[in-house]
Protein backbone atom coordinates (compact mmCIF):
# COMPACT_ATOMS: atom_id res chain seq x y z
CA MET A 1 11.06 11.64 -4.54
CA ALA A 2 7.22 10.21 -5.28
CA LYS A 3 4.17 11.78 -5.49
CA VAL A 4 1.94 10.11 -2.37
CA ILE A 5 -1.49 10.99 -2.41
CA PHE A 6 -3.77 10.40 0.35
CA ILE A 7 -7.66 10.40 -0.71
CA GLY A 8 -10.65 9.25 1.29
CA PHE A 9 -8.99 9.59 4.74
CA SER A 10 -10.03 12.55 6.14
CA LYS A 11 -10.67 16.60 4.64
CA ASP A 12 -7.68 17.86 6.44
CA LYS A 13 -4.93 15.59 6.02
CA ASP A 14 -6.23 14.14 2.50
CA GLY A 15 -3.34 15.62 -0.45
CA LEU A 16 -0.03 15.37 -2.56
CA TYR A 17 3.15 14.16 0.14
CA HIS A 18 6.63 13.85 -0.79
CA ALA A 19 8.20 10.89 0.12
CA PRO A 20 11.75 9.49 -0.76
CA LYS A 21 11.45 5.95 -2.77
CA GLY A 22 11.97 3.31 -0.25
CA GLU A 23 10.09 5.32 2.40
CA PRO A 24 7.39 3.03 4.05
CA ILE A 25 4.00 4.14 3.79
CA ILE A 26 3.94 3.73 7.88
CA ARG A 27 6.03 5.96 8.30
CA LEU A 28 4.56 8.57 5.70
CA ALA A 29 1.39 8.24 7.23
CA LYS A 30 2.29 8.42 10.86
CA GLU A 31 4.21 11.07 10.52
CA ASN A 32 1.38 13.13 8.88
CA GLY A 33 -1.49 12.28 10.84
CA ILE A 34 -3.05 9.90 8.05
CA ALA A 35 -5.82 8.05 9.65
CA ILE A 36 -4.85 3.69 8.82
CA ASN A 37 -5.60 1.69 11.62
CA PHE A 38 -1.77 0.26 12.33
CA GLU A 39 -2.76 -2.62 15.02
CA CYS A 40 0.02 -4.39 14.66
CA GLN A 41 2.41 -3.40 11.89
CA ASP A 42 3.85 -6.72 11.07
CA GLY A 43 1.24 -7.90 8.50
CA GLU A 44 -1.02 -10.32 10.78
CA CYS A 45 -4.03 -8.63 11.75
CA GLY A 46 -4.86 -6.99 8.42
CA ASN A 47 -6.69 -3.86 9.67
CA CYS A 48 -4.42 -1.70 7.70
CA LEU A 49 -6.28 -2.73 4.18
CA ILE A 50 -5.69 -0.12 1.80
CA LYS A 51 -6.30 0.56 -2.22
CA TYR A 52 -2.57 1.35 -3.93
CA GLU A 53 -2.75 2.86 -7.55
CA ASN A 54 0.26 3.60 -9.60
CA ILE A 55 0.35 7.00 -11.29
CA GLU A 56 3.83 6.81 -13.39
CA ASP A 57 3.77 5.92 -16.61
CA GLU A 58 5.70 2.60 -15.79
CA GLU A 59 4.55 0.30 -13.38
CA PRO A 60 7.50 0.71 -10.81
CA THR A 61 9.10 -3.06 -9.57
CA ASN A 62 7.28 -3.72 -6.29
CA TYR A 63 8.17 -7.24 -4.56
CA ILE A 64 5.66 -8.45 -2.82
CA ASP A 65 6.73 -10.84 0.89
CA ASP A 66 4.29 -14.25 0.92
CA LEU A 67 3.28 -13.06 4.28
CA GLU A 68 1.40 -10.02 2.74
CA LEU A 69 0.71 -12.06 -0.70
CA ASN A 70 -1.16 -14.84 2.19
CA LYS A 71 -2.64 -12.51 4.54
CA LEU A 72 -4.55 -11.09 1.57
CA ILE A 73 -5.36 -14.29 0.07
CA GLU A 74 -6.80 -15.56 3.19
CA MET A 75 -9.07 -11.97 3.67
CA GLY A 76 -10.56 -12.87 0.39
CA VAL A 77 -9.42 -9.27 -1.17
CA MET A 78 -6.76 -11.36 -4.32
CA ASN A 79 -7.06 -14.51 -5.51
CA SER A 80 -3.82 -16.84 -5.12
CA LYS A 81 -4.12 -16.95 -9.43
CA ASP A 82 -3.27 -13.04 -8.80
CA ALA A 83 -0.44 -13.22 -6.14
CA GLU A 84 1.01 -15.77 -8.20
CA TYR A 85 1.14 -12.86 -10.52
CA CYS A 86 2.32 -10.05 -9.09
CA GLN A 87 5.28 -12.02 -7.43
CA GLN A 88 6.23 -13.30 -10.45
CA PHE A 89 6.42 -9.77 -12.26
CA THR A 90 7.06 -7.63 -9.33
CA ILE A 91 4.09 -5.52 -9.30
CA SER A 92 1.78 -4.29 -6.75
CA PRO A 93 -1.78 -5.59 -6.49
CA LYS A 94 -4.23 -3.05 -6.26
CA VAL A 95 -5.02 -3.76 -2.48
CA ARG A 96 -2.25 -3.84 0.07
CA LEU A 97 -0.94 -3.97 3.79
CA ALA A 98 0.14 -0.29 4.33
CA CYS A 99 2.23 -1.96 7.02
CA GLN A 100 4.20 -3.86 4.39
CA THR A 101 3.84 -1.17 1.54
CA LEU A 102 7.04 1.09 0.66
CA VAL A 103 6.91 4.14 -1.46
CA LYS A 104 8.01 3.00 -5.24
CA GLY A 105 6.74 5.45 -7.40
CA ASP A 106 3.98 7.86 -7.87
CA VAL A 107 0.64 6.62 -6.36
CA ILE A 108 -2.83 7.13 -5.15
CA ILE A 109 -3.73 5.76 -1.66
CA LYS A 110 -7.67 5.37 -0.59
CA PRO A 111 -8.95 3.49 2.43
CA PHE A 112 -10.32 0.17 1.67
CA LEU A 113 -13.81 0.07 2.53
């Protein structure tokens, strides 16, 4: 089980949650009433931006598909050089679309402001 810490969403829902590796962040958030905007749930709208911070000693492998990376570049929260680096080394960028993100290890999730 991985530790997922939600910070900055709401006082009563922020905190530590446990999830199996591979669990979608969207499912964990919905099941626990975490207020993340999930309009389209397929990576098209970009309304579910989150800050994603790995807190494990080693960065877990975290493949990001082209759809999500292109949306992050289009929205201006990531440049193409950083996107290429994340894909090449299969690491997660610091900003993600919650609807496309899987739990890959212990992380802190914050709203993207």
